[in-house]
Amino acid sequence: MNQITKLIVEHFNKSQLFQQTYYNQNPNAKYYLTGTLNSFYSEEEFSSGVAIGSSFGLLGALATSGIKTPGRVVIDISDLKLFSKDGTLIKDFGNFYKEYKENFRPDASCWCAYWNANEMLKDFNTHLVEKIRNEMMNVKL
């Protein structure tokens, strides 16, 4: 959870969603965001072709480089709320859920499920920023 929170903070700062976003409590923060991570899940079918190809070194890796296998990534955050420093609720954003069902690049060591989840987290964060930005348009801070 801490790693995902840190990545979200980093993404918020890059997208300039707020003037400055901090991880954890910070005395300079005027607002804070809370939420519950319900799911950060990834699965992908094993590719025997990639596993066999990896045993042939570079030639095998080149031969299997175009293989993709079905996979699924689910990221779900609920109870996403923005509060002022004094604890006053500013905005309840509700839940934010995305499910990705795609053909992903596999690997012989089965690390691909982790790589793909992290890659989809970037997309999730981009959509999360847009959701918050759109819903904050009518909120006076």
N, C-alpha and C. Protein backbone atom coordinates (compact mmCIF):
# COMPACT_ATOMS: atom_id res chain seq x y z
N MET A 1 0.82 -1.19 0.00
CA MET A 1 0.00 0.00 0.00
C MET A 1 0.86 1.25 0.00
N ASN A 2 1.91 1.30 0.82
CA ASN A 2 2.75 2.48 0.88
C ASN A 2 3.40 2.79 -0.46
N GLN A 3 3.85 1.75 -1.17
CA GLN A 3 4.48 1.97 -2.47
C GLN A 3 3.50 2.54 -3.47
N ILE A 4 2.28 2.04 -3.46
CA ILE A 4 1.26 2.54 -4.39
C ILE A 4 0.91 3.98 -4.04
N THR A 5 0.79 4.28 -2.76
CA THR A 5 0.50 5.65 -2.33
C THR A 5 1.61 6.58 -2.79
N LYS A 6 2.85 6.16 -2.64
CA LYS A 6 3.98 6.99 -3.07
C LYS A 6 3.94 7.23 -4.58
N LEU A 7 3.58 6.22 -5.35
CA LEU A 7 3.47 6.38 -6.81
C LEU A 7 2.34 7.33 -7.18
N ILE A 8 1.22 7.25 -6.46
CA ILE A 8 0.11 8.16 -6.72
C ILE A 8 0.54 9.60 -6.40
N VAL A 9 1.22 9.80 -5.29
CA VAL A 9 1.71 11.14 -4.92
C VAL A 9 2.63 11.67 -6.01
N GLU A 10 3.54 10.84 -6.47
CA GLU A 10 4.46 11.24 -7.54
C GLU A 10 3.70 11.62 -8.81
N HIS A 11 2.70 10.83 -9.15
CA HIS A 11 1.89 11.10 -10.34
C HIS A 11 1.11 12.40 -10.18
N PHE A 12 0.53 12.63 -9.00
CA PHE A 12 -0.20 13.88 -8.74
C PHE A 12 0.72 15.08 -8.91
N ASN A 13 1.95 14.98 -8.43
CA ASN A 13 2.89 16.09 -8.57
C ASN A 13 3.29 16.32 -10.02
N LYS A 14 3.52 15.26 -10.78
CA LYS A 14 3.88 15.40 -12.20
C LYS A 14 2.73 16.01 -12.99
N SER A 15 1.52 15.64 -12.64
CA SER A 15 0.35 16.15 -13.38
C SER A 15 -0.10 17.51 -12.85
N GLN A 16 0.51 17.95 -11.76
CA GLN A 16 0.18 19.22 -11.11
C GLN A 16 -1.30 19.29 -10.75
N LEU A 17 -1.81 18.17 -10.22
CA LEU A 17 -3.20 18.12 -9.79
C LEU A 17 -3.46 19.14 -8.69
N PHE A 18 -2.57 19.17 -7.72
CA PHE A 18 -2.62 20.17 -6.65
C PHE A 18 -1.31 20.95 -6.70
N GLN A 19 -1.24 22.06 -5.98
CA GLN A 19 -0.02 22.85 -5.97
C GLN A 19 1.18 22.00 -5.56
N GLN A 20 1.01 21.20 -4.52
CA GLN A 20 2.05 20.27 -4.06
C GLN A 20 1.36 19.13 -3.34
N THR A 21 1.81 17.91 -3.60
CA THR A 21 1.27 16.74 -2.94
C THR A 21 2.38 16.10 -2.13
N TYR A 22 2.06 15.73 -0.89
CA TYR A 22 3.03 15.12 0.00
C TYR A 22 2.57 13.70 0.34
N TYR A 23 3.55 12.87 0.66
CA TYR A 23 3.24 11.54 1.17
C TYR A 23 3.19 11.63 2.69
N ASN A 24 2.16 11.05 3.27
CA ASN A 24 1.97 11.02 4.71
C ASN A 24 1.62 12.41 5.24
N GLN A 25 1.59 12.58 6.52
CA GLN A 25 1.22 13.86 7.11
C GLN A 25 2.35 14.86 6.92
N ASN A 26 1.95 16.08 6.58
CA ASN A 26 2.93 17.14 6.39
C ASN A 26 2.33 18.43 6.91
N PRO A 27 3.05 19.17 7.75
CA PRO A 27 2.51 20.40 8.33
C PRO A 27 2.23 21.48 7.28
N ASN A 28 2.83 21.38 6.10
CA ASN A 28 2.60 22.37 5.05
C ASN A 28 1.34 22.10 4.23
N ALA A 29 0.77 20.93 4.38
CA ALA A 29 -0.40 20.55 3.59
C ALA A 29 -1.66 21.26 4.11
N LYS A 30 -2.42 21.82 3.18
CA LYS A 30 -3.69 22.46 3.53
C LYS A 30 -4.85 21.46 3.47
N TYR A 31 -4.64 20.38 2.73
CA TYR A 31 -5.68 19.37 2.52
C TYR A 31 -5.03 17.99 2.57
N TYR A 32 -5.86 16.98 2.78
CA TYR A 32 -5.35 15.62 2.68
C TYR A 32 -6.41 14.73 2.03
N LEU A 33 -5.92 13.71 1.35
CA LEU A 33 -6.75 12.78 0.60
C LEU A 33 -6.67 11.42 1.27
N THR A 34 -7.82 10.79 1.47
CA THR A 34 -7.84 9.45 2.04
C THR A 34 -8.56 8.50 1.09
N GLY A 35 -8.31 7.24 1.26
CA GLY A 35 -8.98 6.22 0.46
C GLY A 35 -8.51 4.85 0.90
N THR A 36 -9.20 3.84 0.42
CA THR A 36 -8.87 2.46 0.76
C THR A 36 -8.55 1.69 -0.51
N LEU A 37 -7.36 1.12 -0.56
CA LEU A 37 -7.00 0.27 -1.69
C LEU A 37 -7.62 -1.10 -1.47
N ASN A 38 -8.59 -1.44 -2.30
CA ASN A 38 -9.26 -2.73 -2.18
C ASN A 38 -8.61 -3.81 -3.03
N SER A 39 -8.04 -3.39 -4.16
CA SER A 39 -7.46 -4.38 -5.05
C SER A 39 -6.34 -3.77 -5.89
N PHE A 40 -5.25 -4.48 -5.95
CA PHE A 40 -4.16 -4.23 -6.89
C PHE A 40 -3.74 -5.63 -7.31
N TYR A 41 -4.41 -6.14 -8.34
CA TYR A 41 -4.37 -7.56 -8.67
C TYR A 41 -3.99 -7.73 -10.13
N SER A 42 -3.19 -8.74 -10.40
CA SER A 42 -2.80 -9.04 -11.77
C SER A 42 -2.68 -10.54 -11.97
N GLU A 43 -3.11 -10.99 -13.13
CA GLU A 43 -2.93 -12.39 -13.51
C GLU A 43 -2.65 -12.44 -15.00
N GLU A 44 -1.92 -13.46 -15.41
CA GLU A 44 -1.62 -13.62 -16.83
C GLU A 44 -1.36 -15.09 -17.13
N GLU A 45 -1.82 -15.52 -18.28
CA GLU A 45 -1.59 -16.90 -18.68
C GLU A 45 -0.11 -17.13 -18.92
N PHE A 46 0.36 -18.29 -18.50
CA PHE A 46 1.75 -18.68 -18.70
C PHE A 46 1.97 -18.99 -20.18
N SER A 47 3.08 -18.55 -20.71
CA SER A 47 3.42 -18.82 -22.11
C SER A 47 4.53 -19.86 -22.17
N SER A 48 4.15 -21.07 -22.59
CA SER A 48 5.18 -22.10 -22.72
C SER A 48 6.13 -21.77 -23.86
N GLY A 49 5.63 -21.06 -24.88
CA GLY A 49 6.50 -20.65 -25.99
C GLY A 49 7.62 -19.74 -25.54
N VAL A 50 7.31 -18.79 -24.68
CA VAL A 50 8.35 -17.89 -24.17
C VAL A 50 9.30 -18.66 -23.25
N ALA A 51 8.75 -19.56 -22.45
CA ALA A 51 9.59 -20.36 -21.55
C ALA A 51 10.57 -21.21 -22.35
N ILE A 52 10.09 -21.84 -23.41
CA ILE A 52 10.98 -22.66 -24.25
C ILE A 52 11.97 -21.76 -24.99
N GLY A 53 11.48 -20.65 -25.52
CA GLY A 53 12.35 -19.73 -26.26
C GLY A 53 13.47 -19.17 -25.41
N SER A 54 13.20 -18.94 -24.12
CA SER A 54 14.23 -18.36 -23.25
C SER A 54 15.41 -19.31 -23.04
N SER A 55 15.15 -20.59 -23.23
CA SER A 55 16.25 -21.55 -23.06
C SER A 55 17.21 -21.53 -24.25
N PHE A 56 16.84 -20.81 -25.32
CA PHE A 56 17.70 -20.71 -26.50
C PHE A 56 18.41 -19.35 -26.57
N GLY A 57 18.47 -18.66 -25.46
CA GLY A 57 19.23 -17.41 -25.38
C GLY A 57 18.65 -16.32 -26.24
N LEU A 58 19.53 -15.51 -26.82
CA LEU A 58 19.12 -14.36 -27.61
C LEU A 58 18.28 -14.76 -28.80
N LEU A 59 18.65 -15.82 -29.48
CA LEU A 59 17.90 -16.28 -30.64
C LEU A 59 16.47 -16.65 -30.25
N GLY A 60 16.31 -17.34 -29.13
CA GLY A 60 14.98 -17.72 -28.64
C GLY A 60 14.19 -16.51 -28.22
N ALA A 61 14.85 -15.54 -27.57
CA ALA A 61 14.18 -14.32 -27.15
C ALA A 61 13.66 -13.54 -28.35
N LEU A 62 14.47 -13.45 -29.39
CA LEU A 62 14.04 -12.76 -30.61
C LEU A 62 12.87 -13.49 -31.28
N ALA A 63 12.92 -14.81 -31.29
CA ALA A 63 11.88 -15.60 -31.93
C ALA A 63 10.54 -15.48 -31.22
N THR A 64 10.58 -15.24 -29.92
CA THR A 64 9.32 -15.19 -29.15
C THR A 64 8.93 -13.77 -28.75
N SER A 65 9.61 -12.76 -29.28
CA SER A 65 9.39 -11.38 -28.83
C SER A 65 7.99 -10.85 -29.12
N GLY A 66 7.30 -11.39 -30.10
CA GLY A 66 5.97 -10.89 -30.44
C GLY A 66 4.83 -11.59 -29.72
N ILE A 67 5.14 -12.58 -28.89
CA ILE A 67 4.11 -13.34 -28.20
C ILE A 67 3.43 -12.50 -27.13
N LYS A 68 2.12 -12.60 -27.07
CA LYS A 68 1.35 -11.96 -25.99
C LYS A 68 0.37 -12.99 -25.46
N THR A 69 0.05 -12.87 -24.19
CA THR A 69 -0.90 -13.80 -23.59
C THR A 69 -1.98 -13.02 -22.86
N PRO A 70 -3.19 -13.60 -22.75
CA PRO A 70 -4.29 -12.90 -22.07
C PRO A 70 -3.96 -12.66 -20.60
N GLY A 71 -4.34 -11.49 -20.15
CA GLY A 71 -4.11 -11.15 -18.76
C GLY A 71 -5.18 -10.21 -18.24
N ARG A 72 -5.12 -9.98 -16.97
CA ARG A 72 -6.12 -9.12 -16.31
C ARG A 72 -5.45 -8.39 -15.16
N VAL A 73 -5.71 -7.08 -15.07
CA VAL A 73 -5.24 -6.26 -13.97
C VAL A 73 -6.45 -5.52 -13.40
N VAL A 74 -6.60 -5.56 -12.08
CA VAL A 74 -7.71 -4.88 -11.41
C VAL A 74 -7.11 -3.94 -10.36
N ILE A 75 -7.53 -2.67 -10.42
CA ILE A 75 -7.12 -1.69 -9.41
C ILE A 75 -8.40 -1.02 -8.91
N ASP A 76 -8.58 -1.02 -7.61
CA ASP A 76 -9.82 -0.52 -7.02
C ASP A 76 -9.52 0.26 -5.74
N ILE A 77 -9.92 1.52 -5.73
CA ILE A 77 -9.81 2.36 -4.54
C ILE A 77 -11.20 2.83 -4.17
N SER A 78 -11.55 2.71 -2.90
CA SER A 78 -12.87 3.17 -2.45
C SER A 78 -12.71 4.26 -1.40
N ASP A 79 -13.83 4.91 -1.12
CA ASP A 79 -13.89 5.95 -0.07
C ASP A 79 -12.84 7.03 -0.28
N LEU A 80 -12.68 7.46 -1.51
CA LEU A 80 -11.71 8.50 -1.83
C LEU A 80 -12.29 9.86 -1.45
N LYS A 81 -11.66 10.52 -0.46
CA LYS A 81 -12.19 11.77 0.08
C LYS A 81 -11.08 12.80 0.26
N LEU A 82 -11.43 14.06 0.03
CA LEU A 82 -10.52 15.17 0.25
C LEU A 82 -11.01 15.95 1.47
N PHE A 83 -10.10 16.17 2.41
CA PHE A 83 -10.40 16.90 3.64
C PHE A 83 -9.51 18.13 3.75
N SER A 84 -10.01 19.15 4.44
CA SER A 84 -9.15 20.28 4.77
C SER A 84 -8.29 19.88 5.97
N LYS A 85 -7.30 20.67 6.24
CA LYS A 85 -6.34 20.38 7.32
C LYS A 85 -7.04 20.16 8.66
N ASP A 86 -8.17 20.87 8.87
CA ASP A 86 -8.88 20.76 10.15
C ASP A 86 -9.85 19.57 10.20
N GLY A 87 -9.88 18.75 9.14
CA GLY A 87 -10.72 17.56 9.12
C GLY A 87 -12.08 17.75 8.46
N THR A 88 -12.35 18.93 7.92
CA THR A 88 -13.62 19.19 7.24
C THR A 88 -13.62 18.50 5.87
N LEU A 89 -14.67 17.75 5.58
CA LEU A 89 -14.79 17.08 4.29
C LEU A 89 -15.01 18.13 3.20
N ILE A 90 -14.14 18.13 2.21
CA ILE A 90 -14.25 19.05 1.07
C ILE A 90 -15.00 18.38 -0.08
N LYS A 91 -14.62 17.13 -0.39
CA LYS A 91 -15.23 16.43 -1.52
C LYS A 91 -15.12 14.93 -1.32
N ASP A 92 -16.23 14.24 -1.54
CA ASP A 92 -16.25 12.77 -1.52
C ASP A 92 -16.24 12.32 -2.98
N PHE A 93 -15.16 11.72 -3.40
CA PHE A 93 -15.02 11.26 -4.79
C PHE A 93 -15.58 9.85 -4.99
N GLY A 94 -15.95 9.20 -3.92
CA GLY A 94 -16.51 7.86 -4.02
C GLY A 94 -15.44 6.83 -4.32
N ASN A 95 -15.77 5.92 -5.23
CA ASN A 95 -14.88 4.81 -5.57
C ASN A 95 -14.30 5.02 -6.95
N PHE A 96 -13.14 4.43 -7.18
CA PHE A 96 -12.53 4.47 -8.50
C PHE A 96 -11.99 3.08 -8.80
N TYR A 97 -12.52 2.48 -9.86
CA TYR A 97 -12.23 1.09 -10.21
C TYR A 97 -11.89 1.02 -11.69
N LYS A 98 -10.83 0.30 -12.01
CA LYS A 98 -10.52 0.03 -13.41
C LYS A 98 -10.06 -1.42 -13.53
N GLU A 99 -10.55 -2.05 -14.58
CA GLU A 99 -10.15 -3.42 -14.88
C GLU A 99 -9.62 -3.45 -16.30
N TYR A 100 -8.46 -4.01 -16.47
CA TYR A 100 -7.81 -4.10 -17.77
C TYR A 100 -7.75 -5.57 -18.17
N LYS A 101 -8.39 -5.88 -19.29
CA LYS A 101 -8.30 -7.23 -19.86
C LYS A 101 -7.65 -7.06 -21.23
N GLU A 102 -6.41 -7.50 -21.31
CA GLU A 102 -5.64 -7.30 -22.54
C GLU A 102 -4.74 -8.48 -22.79
N ASN A 103 -4.11 -8.46 -23.93
CA ASN A 103 -3.04 -9.40 -24.21
C ASN A 103 -1.75 -8.68 -23.87
N PHE A 104 -1.05 -9.20 -22.87
CA PHE A 104 0.16 -8.58 -22.37
C PHE A 104 1.39 -9.37 -22.81
N ARG A 105 2.53 -8.71 -22.74
CA ARG A 105 3.80 -9.36 -23.04
C ARG A 105 4.18 -10.28 -21.87
N PRO A 106 4.42 -11.54 -22.13
CA PRO A 106 4.81 -12.46 -21.05
C PRO A 106 6.33 -12.55 -20.90
N ASP A 107 6.76 -13.26 -19.88
CA ASP A 107 8.17 -13.58 -19.71
C ASP A 107 8.28 -14.99 -19.14
N ALA A 108 9.44 -15.57 -19.25
CA ALA A 108 9.62 -16.96 -18.83
C ALA A 108 9.63 -17.13 -17.31
N SER A 109 9.91 -16.07 -16.59
CA SER A 109 10.03 -16.16 -15.13
C SER A 109 8.75 -15.74 -14.40
N CYS A 110 7.71 -15.41 -15.13
CA CYS A 110 6.40 -15.02 -14.58
C CYS A 110 6.44 -13.70 -13.79
N TRP A 111 7.39 -12.84 -14.09
CA TRP A 111 7.41 -11.50 -13.49
C TRP A 111 6.46 -10.56 -14.23
N CYS A 112 6.02 -10.98 -15.41
CA CYS A 112 5.21 -10.11 -16.27
C CYS A 112 3.94 -9.62 -15.58
N ALA A 113 3.34 -10.41 -14.74
CA ALA A 113 2.12 -9.98 -14.05
C ALA A 113 2.39 -8.74 -13.20
N TYR A 114 3.56 -8.69 -12.58
CA TYR A 114 3.94 -7.52 -11.77
C TYR A 114 4.24 -6.32 -12.66
N TRP A 115 5.00 -6.56 -13.73
CA TRP A 115 5.33 -5.47 -14.65
C TRP A 115 4.07 -4.87 -15.25
N ASN A 116 3.14 -5.74 -15.66
CA ASN A 116 1.92 -5.27 -16.29
C ASN A 116 1.03 -4.52 -15.31
N ALA A 117 0.98 -4.98 -14.07
CA ALA A 117 0.19 -4.26 -13.05
C ALA A 117 0.77 -2.87 -12.83
N ASN A 118 2.08 -2.77 -12.75
CA ASN A 118 2.71 -1.45 -12.58
C ASN A 118 2.48 -0.55 -13.78
N GLU A 119 2.50 -1.13 -14.97
CA GLU A 119 2.25 -0.35 -16.19
C GLU A 119 0.80 0.16 -16.20
N MET A 120 -0.14 -0.68 -15.81
CA MET A 120 -1.55 -0.27 -15.78
C MET A 120 -1.80 0.74 -14.65
N LEU A 121 -0.99 0.69 -13.59
CA LEU A 121 -1.13 1.67 -12.51
C LEU A 121 -0.88 3.08 -13.03
N LYS A 122 0.03 3.23 -13.99
CA LYS A 122 0.26 4.55 -14.60
C LYS A 122 -1.01 5.05 -15.27
N ASP A 123 -1.66 4.17 -16.04
CA ASP A 123 -2.91 4.55 -16.70
C ASP A 123 -4.00 4.85 -15.68
N PHE A 124 -4.10 4.00 -14.67
CA PHE A 124 -5.08 4.20 -13.60
C PHE A 124 -4.90 5.57 -12.96
N ASN A 125 -3.64 5.92 -12.63
CA ASN A 125 -3.36 7.21 -12.00
C ASN A 125 -3.73 8.37 -12.91
N THR A 126 -3.49 8.23 -14.21
CA THR A 126 -3.85 9.28 -15.16
C THR A 126 -5.36 9.51 -15.14
N HIS A 127 -6.12 8.43 -15.15
CA HIS A 127 -7.59 8.55 -15.11
C HIS A 127 -8.07 9.07 -13.75
N LEU A 128 -7.39 8.66 -12.69
CA LEU A 128 -7.74 9.15 -11.36
C LEU A 128 -7.52 10.66 -11.27
N VAL A 129 -6.42 11.14 -11.80
CA VAL A 129 -6.15 12.59 -11.82
C VAL A 129 -7.27 13.32 -12.56
N GLU A 130 -7.66 12.80 -13.70
CA GLU A 130 -8.72 13.45 -14.49
C GLU A 130 -10.06 13.44 -13.74
N LYS A 131 -10.36 12.33 -13.08
CA LYS A 131 -11.60 12.25 -12.29
C LYS A 131 -11.60 13.33 -11.21
N ILE A 132 -10.51 13.42 -10.47
CA ILE A 132 -10.43 14.39 -9.38
C ILE A 132 -10.47 15.81 -9.95
N ARG A 133 -9.70 16.05 -11.00
CA ARG A 133 -9.67 17.38 -11.62
C ARG A 133 -11.06 17.79 -12.09
N ASN A 134 -11.78 16.90 -12.75
CA ASN A 134 -13.12 17.21 -13.24
C ASN A 134 -14.10 17.47 -12.10
N GLU A 135 -14.02 16.67 -11.06
CA GLU A 135 -14.95 16.83 -9.94
C GLU A 135 -14.61 18.03 -9.06
N MET A 136 -13.37 18.52 -9.15
CA MET A 136 -12.96 19.69 -8.36
C MET A 136 -13.28 21.01 -9.04
N MET A 137 -13.72 20.96 -10.31
CA MET A 137 -13.99 22.19 -11.04
C MET A 137 -15.00 23.10 -10.33
N ASN A 138 -15.97 22.52 -9.69
CA ASN A 138 -17.03 23.30 -9.05
C ASN A 138 -16.83 23.46 -7.54
N VAL A 139 -15.66 23.05 -7.05
CA VAL A 139 -15.39 23.13 -5.62
C VAL A 139 -14.51 24.33 -5.36
N LYS A 140 -14.92 25.17 -4.44
CA LYS A 140 -14.10 26.32 -4.06
C LYS A 140 -13.22 25.94 -2.88
N LEU A 141 -11.93 26.16 -3.03
CA LEU A 141 -10.99 25.85 -1.95
C LEU A 141 -10.56 27.13 -1.26
